[in-house]
N, C-alpha and C. Protein backbone atom coordinates (compact mmCIF):
# COMPACT_ATOMS: atom_id res chain seq x y z
N MET A 1 -21.10 16.42 -7.54
CA MET A 1 -21.17 16.13 -8.93
C MET A 1 -22.33 16.96 -9.54
N SER A 2 -22.05 17.60 -10.64
CA SER A 2 -23.07 18.43 -11.25
C SER A 2 -24.03 17.47 -12.10
N LEU A 3 -25.13 17.98 -12.42
CA LEU A 3 -26.11 17.23 -13.18
C LEU A 3 -25.61 17.01 -14.60
N PHE A 4 -24.69 17.90 -15.05
CA PHE A 4 -24.20 17.77 -16.40
C PHE A 4 -23.30 16.54 -16.56
N ASN A 5 -22.65 16.14 -15.41
CA ASN A 5 -21.76 14.92 -15.51
C ASN A 5 -22.60 13.68 -15.76
N VAL A 6 -23.87 13.72 -15.41
CA VAL A 6 -24.71 12.57 -15.68
C VAL A 6 -24.72 12.19 -17.18
N PHE A 7 -24.68 13.22 -18.05
CA PHE A 7 -24.69 13.00 -19.47
C PHE A 7 -23.39 12.27 -19.89
N ASN A 8 -22.25 12.64 -19.30
CA ASN A 8 -20.97 12.01 -19.64
C ASN A 8 -20.98 10.56 -19.12
N ILE A 9 -21.56 10.34 -17.98
CA ILE A 9 -21.63 8.94 -17.42
C ILE A 9 -22.52 8.09 -18.25
N THR A 10 -23.72 8.60 -18.58
CA THR A 10 -24.63 7.80 -19.37
C THR A 10 -24.06 7.54 -20.79
N ALA A 11 -23.37 8.53 -21.33
CA ALA A 11 -22.80 8.31 -22.66
C ALA A 11 -21.68 7.23 -22.61
N SER A 12 -20.91 7.19 -21.60
CA SER A 12 -19.88 6.15 -21.48
C SER A 12 -20.51 4.80 -21.30
N GLY A 13 -21.62 4.77 -20.52
CA GLY A 13 -22.36 3.52 -20.38
C GLY A 13 -22.99 3.03 -21.68
N MET A 14 -23.51 3.96 -22.49
CA MET A 14 -24.15 3.60 -23.73
C MET A 14 -23.05 3.09 -24.73
N SER A 15 -21.90 3.73 -24.70
CA SER A 15 -20.80 3.34 -25.53
C SER A 15 -20.34 1.92 -25.17
N ALA A 16 -20.18 1.66 -23.87
CA ALA A 16 -19.78 0.34 -23.41
C ALA A 16 -20.80 -0.75 -23.81
N GLN A 17 -22.04 -0.42 -23.65
CA GLN A 17 -23.10 -1.44 -24.00
C GLN A 17 -23.18 -1.64 -25.49
N SER A 18 -22.89 -0.63 -26.29
CA SER A 18 -22.81 -0.72 -27.72
C SER A 18 -21.69 -1.65 -28.13
N MET A 19 -20.56 -1.56 -27.43
CA MET A 19 -19.43 -2.42 -27.68
C MET A 19 -19.85 -3.86 -27.32
N ARG A 20 -20.53 -4.01 -26.24
CA ARG A 20 -21.00 -5.33 -25.79
C ARG A 20 -21.97 -5.93 -26.83
N LEU A 21 -22.87 -5.12 -27.35
CA LEU A 21 -23.82 -5.63 -28.35
C LEU A 21 -23.10 -6.01 -29.64
N ASN A 22 -22.08 -5.27 -30.04
CA ASN A 22 -21.34 -5.56 -31.23
C ASN A 22 -20.54 -6.90 -31.10
N THR A 23 -19.86 -7.09 -29.97
CA THR A 23 -19.14 -8.33 -29.81
C THR A 23 -20.06 -9.55 -29.76
N THR A 24 -21.24 -9.31 -29.08
CA THR A 24 -22.21 -10.44 -28.97
C THR A 24 -22.78 -10.76 -30.35
N ALA A 25 -23.06 -9.73 -31.16
CA ALA A 25 -23.49 -9.98 -32.53
C ALA A 25 -22.49 -10.73 -33.35
N SER A 26 -21.19 -10.38 -33.16
CA SER A 26 -20.15 -11.05 -33.86
C SER A 26 -20.05 -12.55 -33.42
N ASN A 27 -20.22 -12.75 -32.12
CA ASN A 27 -20.12 -14.12 -31.63
C ASN A 27 -21.32 -14.92 -32.26
N ILE A 28 -22.49 -14.37 -32.29
CA ILE A 28 -23.63 -15.10 -32.87
C ILE A 28 -23.46 -15.33 -34.33
N ALA A 29 -22.92 -14.35 -35.01
CA ALA A 29 -22.72 -14.49 -36.47
C ALA A 29 -21.70 -15.62 -36.81
N ASN A 30 -20.76 -15.85 -35.94
CA ASN A 30 -19.73 -16.80 -36.18
C ASN A 30 -19.97 -18.15 -35.47
N ALA A 31 -21.13 -18.30 -34.82
CA ALA A 31 -21.40 -19.51 -34.00
C ALA A 31 -21.42 -20.78 -34.82
N ASP A 32 -21.78 -20.71 -36.08
CA ASP A 32 -21.87 -21.92 -36.92
C ASP A 32 -20.69 -22.12 -37.85
N SER A 33 -19.65 -21.30 -37.71
CA SER A 33 -18.54 -21.43 -38.63
C SER A 33 -17.75 -22.71 -38.31
N VAL A 34 -17.08 -23.21 -39.34
CA VAL A 34 -16.32 -24.45 -39.14
C VAL A 34 -14.92 -24.24 -39.69
N SER A 35 -14.00 -24.91 -39.03
CA SER A 35 -12.58 -24.79 -39.39
C SER A 35 -11.92 -26.14 -39.40
N SER A 36 -10.83 -26.29 -40.12
CA SER A 36 -10.11 -27.56 -40.16
C SER A 36 -8.86 -27.48 -39.23
N SER A 37 -8.75 -26.38 -38.54
CA SER A 37 -7.58 -26.22 -37.62
C SER A 37 -8.00 -25.54 -36.37
N ILE A 38 -7.40 -25.95 -35.25
CA ILE A 38 -7.70 -25.32 -33.94
C ILE A 38 -7.30 -23.82 -33.96
N ASP A 39 -6.17 -23.53 -34.59
CA ASP A 39 -5.60 -22.17 -34.60
C ASP A 39 -6.48 -21.19 -35.44
N GLU A 40 -7.25 -21.68 -36.40
CA GLU A 40 -8.01 -20.83 -37.26
C GLU A 40 -9.45 -20.73 -36.85
N THR A 41 -9.87 -21.47 -35.79
CA THR A 41 -11.29 -21.50 -35.34
C THR A 41 -11.55 -20.22 -34.56
N TYR A 42 -12.75 -19.67 -34.86
CA TYR A 42 -13.22 -18.44 -34.16
C TYR A 42 -13.44 -18.81 -32.73
N ARG A 43 -13.04 -17.84 -31.83
CA ARG A 43 -13.30 -18.04 -30.37
C ARG A 43 -14.17 -16.87 -29.93
N ALA A 44 -15.09 -17.17 -29.03
CA ALA A 44 -15.99 -16.15 -28.51
C ALA A 44 -15.19 -14.98 -27.93
N ARG A 45 -15.69 -13.77 -28.16
CA ARG A 45 -15.05 -12.57 -27.63
C ARG A 45 -15.94 -11.89 -26.65
N HIS A 46 -15.36 -11.26 -25.64
CA HIS A 46 -16.13 -10.58 -24.64
C HIS A 46 -15.39 -9.28 -24.24
N PRO A 47 -16.14 -8.17 -24.17
CA PRO A 47 -15.48 -6.91 -23.73
C PRO A 47 -15.25 -6.93 -22.19
N VAL A 48 -14.21 -6.15 -21.83
CA VAL A 48 -13.86 -6.06 -20.38
C VAL A 48 -14.06 -4.59 -20.02
N PHE A 49 -14.87 -4.37 -18.98
CA PHE A 49 -15.18 -3.00 -18.52
C PHE A 49 -14.55 -2.70 -17.21
N ALA A 50 -14.37 -1.42 -16.89
CA ALA A 50 -13.96 -0.93 -15.57
C ALA A 50 -14.59 0.34 -15.28
N ALA A 51 -14.87 0.60 -14.02
CA ALA A 51 -15.43 1.85 -13.63
C ALA A 51 -14.33 2.92 -13.66
N ALA A 52 -14.52 4.03 -14.34
CA ALA A 52 -13.64 5.13 -14.42
C ALA A 52 -13.94 6.13 -13.35
N MET A 53 -13.10 6.13 -12.32
CA MET A 53 -13.42 6.97 -11.17
C MET A 53 -12.17 7.77 -10.70
N GLN A 54 -11.27 8.07 -11.62
CA GLN A 54 -10.02 8.75 -11.23
C GLN A 54 -10.23 10.06 -10.47
N LYS A 55 -10.79 11.04 -11.13
CA LYS A 55 -11.02 12.33 -10.47
C LYS A 55 -12.20 12.33 -9.65
N ALA A 56 -13.24 11.55 -10.00
CA ALA A 56 -14.49 11.53 -9.20
C ALA A 56 -14.22 11.04 -7.79
N ALA A 57 -13.31 10.06 -7.62
CA ALA A 57 -13.01 9.60 -6.30
C ALA A 57 -12.28 10.62 -5.45
N ALA A 58 -11.58 11.55 -6.06
CA ALA A 58 -10.90 12.63 -5.38
C ALA A 58 -11.81 13.84 -5.12
N GLY A 59 -13.07 13.76 -5.54
CA GLY A 59 -14.03 14.86 -5.37
C GLY A 59 -13.94 15.94 -6.41
N GLN A 60 -13.17 15.64 -7.49
CA GLN A 60 -13.06 16.61 -8.59
C GLN A 60 -14.10 16.29 -9.66
N GLU A 61 -14.32 17.20 -10.56
CA GLU A 61 -15.23 17.02 -11.66
C GLU A 61 -14.66 16.13 -12.76
N GLY A 62 -15.47 15.31 -13.41
CA GLY A 62 -15.05 14.61 -14.57
C GLY A 62 -14.54 13.19 -14.37
N ASN A 63 -14.39 12.52 -15.46
CA ASN A 63 -13.81 11.16 -15.53
C ASN A 63 -14.53 10.12 -14.72
N ALA A 64 -15.88 10.20 -14.58
CA ALA A 64 -16.60 9.15 -13.93
C ALA A 64 -17.40 8.44 -15.06
N GLY A 65 -17.55 7.17 -14.98
CA GLY A 65 -18.30 6.41 -15.96
C GLY A 65 -17.74 5.05 -16.18
N VAL A 66 -17.95 4.53 -17.39
CA VAL A 66 -17.47 3.18 -17.74
C VAL A 66 -16.36 3.32 -18.78
N GLN A 67 -15.34 2.51 -18.54
CA GLN A 67 -14.19 2.51 -19.45
C GLN A 67 -14.09 1.12 -20.02
N VAL A 68 -13.91 1.03 -21.38
CA VAL A 68 -13.69 -0.25 -22.01
C VAL A 68 -12.17 -0.54 -22.03
N LEU A 69 -11.82 -1.59 -21.36
CA LEU A 69 -10.37 -1.95 -21.30
C LEU A 69 -9.91 -2.69 -22.46
N GLY A 70 -10.81 -3.41 -23.09
CA GLY A 70 -10.48 -4.20 -24.28
C GLY A 70 -11.41 -5.34 -24.51
N VAL A 71 -11.07 -6.16 -25.48
CA VAL A 71 -11.92 -7.33 -25.77
C VAL A 71 -10.98 -8.57 -25.65
N VAL A 72 -11.46 -9.58 -24.92
CA VAL A 72 -10.67 -10.80 -24.71
C VAL A 72 -11.38 -11.96 -25.35
N GLU A 73 -10.64 -12.99 -25.72
CA GLU A 73 -11.19 -14.18 -26.30
C GLU A 73 -11.42 -15.17 -25.16
N SER A 74 -12.54 -15.90 -25.32
CA SER A 74 -12.94 -16.90 -24.30
C SER A 74 -11.91 -18.06 -24.30
N ASN A 75 -11.64 -18.60 -23.11
CA ASN A 75 -10.72 -19.67 -23.01
C ASN A 75 -11.47 -21.04 -22.83
N LYS A 76 -12.76 -21.03 -23.08
CA LYS A 76 -13.54 -22.24 -23.06
C LYS A 76 -13.03 -23.19 -24.22
N PRO A 77 -13.07 -24.51 -24.01
CA PRO A 77 -12.60 -25.37 -25.09
C PRO A 77 -13.49 -25.28 -26.34
N LEU A 78 -12.89 -25.50 -27.50
CA LEU A 78 -13.61 -25.46 -28.74
C LEU A 78 -14.42 -26.69 -28.83
N ASN A 79 -15.46 -26.66 -29.76
CA ASN A 79 -16.29 -27.83 -30.03
C ASN A 79 -15.64 -28.67 -31.15
N ILE A 80 -15.17 -29.83 -30.81
CA ILE A 80 -14.53 -30.68 -31.80
C ILE A 80 -15.51 -31.80 -32.13
N GLU A 81 -15.67 -32.01 -33.45
CA GLU A 81 -16.62 -32.99 -33.91
C GLU A 81 -15.97 -33.86 -34.92
N TYR A 82 -16.24 -35.20 -34.81
CA TYR A 82 -15.71 -36.12 -35.77
C TYR A 82 -16.68 -36.17 -37.00
N ALA A 83 -16.23 -35.68 -38.12
CA ALA A 83 -17.04 -35.68 -39.34
C ALA A 83 -16.12 -35.87 -40.55
N PRO A 84 -15.72 -37.17 -40.71
CA PRO A 84 -14.72 -37.46 -41.84
C PRO A 84 -15.20 -37.14 -43.19
N ASP A 85 -16.50 -37.02 -43.43
CA ASP A 85 -17.02 -36.68 -44.75
C ASP A 85 -17.15 -35.21 -45.00
N HIS A 86 -16.93 -34.39 -43.99
CA HIS A 86 -17.02 -32.90 -44.15
C HIS A 86 -15.86 -32.36 -44.96
N PRO A 87 -16.16 -31.48 -45.89
CA PRO A 87 -15.03 -30.95 -46.71
C PRO A 87 -13.96 -30.20 -45.92
N MET A 88 -14.29 -29.72 -44.72
CA MET A 88 -13.32 -28.99 -43.90
C MET A 88 -12.63 -29.84 -42.86
N ALA A 89 -12.86 -31.17 -42.94
CA ALA A 89 -12.23 -32.07 -41.95
C ALA A 89 -10.75 -32.14 -42.14
N ASP A 90 -10.03 -32.24 -40.98
CA ASP A 90 -8.60 -32.32 -41.04
C ASP A 90 -8.14 -33.76 -41.42
N ASN A 91 -6.90 -34.09 -41.35
CA ASN A 91 -6.43 -35.40 -41.79
C ASN A 91 -6.98 -36.52 -40.94
N GLU A 92 -7.36 -36.20 -39.71
CA GLU A 92 -7.89 -37.25 -38.81
C GLU A 92 -9.44 -37.28 -38.84
N GLY A 93 -10.06 -36.42 -39.66
CA GLY A 93 -11.52 -36.42 -39.79
C GLY A 93 -12.25 -35.55 -38.81
N TYR A 94 -11.56 -34.65 -38.18
CA TYR A 94 -12.21 -33.75 -37.22
C TYR A 94 -12.43 -32.38 -37.78
N ILE A 95 -13.56 -31.76 -37.38
CA ILE A 95 -13.79 -30.35 -37.71
C ILE A 95 -13.91 -29.60 -36.35
N TYR A 96 -13.57 -28.34 -36.38
CA TYR A 96 -13.53 -27.50 -35.21
C TYR A 96 -14.56 -26.37 -35.31
N LYS A 97 -15.38 -26.29 -34.23
CA LYS A 97 -16.43 -25.26 -34.21
C LYS A 97 -16.15 -24.31 -33.08
N PRO A 98 -16.64 -23.06 -33.19
CA PRO A 98 -16.37 -22.05 -32.12
C PRO A 98 -16.94 -22.48 -30.75
N ASN A 99 -16.40 -21.89 -29.75
CA ASN A 99 -16.86 -22.12 -28.34
C ASN A 99 -17.94 -21.14 -28.00
N VAL A 100 -18.81 -20.82 -28.89
CA VAL A 100 -19.92 -19.84 -28.72
C VAL A 100 -21.17 -20.62 -28.25
N ASN A 101 -21.72 -20.20 -27.12
CA ASN A 101 -22.98 -20.70 -26.70
C ASN A 101 -24.08 -19.69 -27.09
N VAL A 102 -24.92 -20.02 -28.02
CA VAL A 102 -25.85 -19.05 -28.56
C VAL A 102 -26.82 -18.61 -27.54
N ILE A 103 -27.29 -19.49 -26.68
CA ILE A 103 -28.25 -19.10 -25.62
C ILE A 103 -27.62 -18.07 -24.65
N GLU A 104 -26.35 -18.35 -24.32
CA GLU A 104 -25.64 -17.35 -23.48
C GLU A 104 -25.49 -16.02 -24.14
N GLU A 105 -25.18 -16.06 -25.45
CA GLU A 105 -24.97 -14.82 -26.21
C GLU A 105 -26.27 -14.02 -26.35
N MET A 106 -27.41 -14.80 -26.53
CA MET A 106 -28.71 -14.10 -26.61
C MET A 106 -29.07 -13.46 -25.26
N THR A 107 -28.71 -14.10 -24.19
CA THR A 107 -28.94 -13.53 -22.85
C THR A 107 -28.07 -12.30 -22.70
N ASN A 108 -26.80 -12.31 -23.12
CA ASN A 108 -25.94 -11.16 -23.09
C ASN A 108 -26.53 -10.02 -23.92
N MET A 109 -27.07 -10.33 -25.08
CA MET A 109 -27.69 -9.34 -25.96
C MET A 109 -28.85 -8.62 -25.33
N ILE A 110 -29.72 -9.42 -24.64
CA ILE A 110 -30.89 -8.82 -24.00
C ILE A 110 -30.41 -8.00 -22.80
N SER A 111 -29.46 -8.43 -22.06
CA SER A 111 -28.91 -7.64 -20.91
C SER A 111 -28.29 -6.33 -21.40
N ALA A 112 -27.49 -6.42 -22.45
CA ALA A 112 -26.82 -5.20 -22.96
C ALA A 112 -27.84 -4.21 -23.50
N SER A 113 -28.85 -4.76 -24.13
CA SER A 113 -29.90 -3.88 -24.75
C SER A 113 -30.62 -3.17 -23.60
N ARG A 114 -30.98 -3.87 -22.55
CA ARG A 114 -31.69 -3.24 -21.40
C ARG A 114 -30.80 -2.28 -20.67
N SER A 115 -29.51 -2.57 -20.57
CA SER A 115 -28.58 -1.61 -19.89
C SER A 115 -28.49 -0.38 -20.72
N TYR A 116 -28.40 -0.51 -22.03
CA TYR A 116 -28.39 0.62 -22.95
C TYR A 116 -29.58 1.46 -22.77
N GLN A 117 -30.72 0.80 -22.74
CA GLN A 117 -32.00 1.49 -22.60
C GLN A 117 -32.09 2.23 -21.23
N THR A 118 -31.56 1.64 -20.20
CA THR A 118 -31.56 2.29 -18.90
C THR A 118 -30.72 3.56 -18.89
N ASN A 119 -29.60 3.53 -19.58
CA ASN A 119 -28.74 4.73 -19.70
C ASN A 119 -29.45 5.78 -20.51
N VAL A 120 -30.17 5.44 -21.51
CA VAL A 120 -30.94 6.40 -22.30
C VAL A 120 -32.02 7.06 -21.43
N GLN A 121 -32.75 6.22 -20.62
CA GLN A 121 -33.82 6.81 -19.75
C GLN A 121 -33.17 7.69 -18.69
N LEU A 122 -32.00 7.38 -18.17
CA LEU A 122 -31.33 8.18 -17.16
C LEU A 122 -30.98 9.54 -17.75
N ALA A 123 -30.43 9.55 -18.99
CA ALA A 123 -30.13 10.78 -19.66
C ALA A 123 -31.34 11.66 -19.89
N GLU A 124 -32.46 10.96 -20.25
CA GLU A 124 -33.73 11.67 -20.49
C GLU A 124 -34.24 12.29 -19.17
N SER A 125 -34.10 11.53 -18.07
CA SER A 125 -34.51 12.11 -16.74
C SER A 125 -33.67 13.34 -16.36
N ALA A 126 -32.37 13.28 -16.60
CA ALA A 126 -31.46 14.36 -16.30
C ALA A 126 -31.80 15.54 -17.11
N LYS A 127 -32.15 15.34 -18.39
CA LYS A 127 -32.59 16.44 -19.28
C LYS A 127 -33.85 17.10 -18.74
N ASN A 128 -34.79 16.24 -18.35
CA ASN A 128 -36.08 16.80 -17.84
C ASN A 128 -35.84 17.59 -16.54
N MET A 129 -34.94 17.14 -15.69
CA MET A 129 -34.66 17.89 -14.45
C MET A 129 -34.01 19.22 -14.80
N LEU A 130 -33.11 19.23 -15.75
CA LEU A 130 -32.51 20.51 -16.13
C LEU A 130 -33.52 21.46 -16.76
N ASN A 131 -34.44 20.90 -17.55
CA ASN A 131 -35.47 21.76 -18.11
C ASN A 131 -36.38 22.36 -17.05
N LYS A 132 -36.72 21.55 -16.04
CA LYS A 132 -37.57 22.03 -14.96
C LYS A 132 -36.86 23.11 -14.14
N THR A 133 -35.55 22.92 -13.98
CA THR A 133 -34.75 23.91 -13.27
C THR A 133 -34.75 25.26 -14.02
N LEU A 134 -34.69 25.17 -15.30
CA LEU A 134 -34.69 26.41 -16.11
C LEU A 134 -36.07 27.11 -16.02
N VAL A 135 -37.16 26.33 -15.98
CA VAL A 135 -38.49 26.82 -15.86
C VAL A 135 -38.65 27.51 -14.53
N LEU A 136 -38.11 26.92 -13.47
CA LEU A 136 -38.20 27.55 -12.15
C LEU A 136 -37.51 28.92 -12.10
N GLY A 137 -36.40 29.04 -12.86
CA GLY A 137 -35.70 30.34 -12.92
C GLY A 137 -36.44 31.41 -13.66
N GLN A 138 -37.41 31.02 -14.47
CA GLN A 138 -38.21 32.01 -15.27
C GLN A 138 -39.27 32.65 -14.42
N LYS A 139 -39.74 31.99 -13.42
CA LYS A 139 -40.92 32.51 -12.61
C LYS A 139 -40.45 33.47 -11.54
């Protein structure tokens, strides 16, 4: 693998972590939303990643990194609360809140931020190695 592939790998990692940060931010933003129906209630979303190793596994150049397969909704149960005086209560007096755990989402946000930062530092290290290689060729 050439040193130039490091930039492609770190770019795919940064893109994946950016997607993770965006879905986490969306989950936190909707954590306090209320609905009068199970079907309309926001459900936590999480990105699904896979290692992209098609050509890299065969010893060829390219296609190594992180691939975002999609975003899935959490299957945790919704938070159902009896609040007959709430304006969004259904006929039975229940309101439905998202299945978002804010503490878990904040932990995901910190983890994604640190992973993004690690990819940036790796790209910076690769850049420095390439620059030093060019300097060696000048002498």
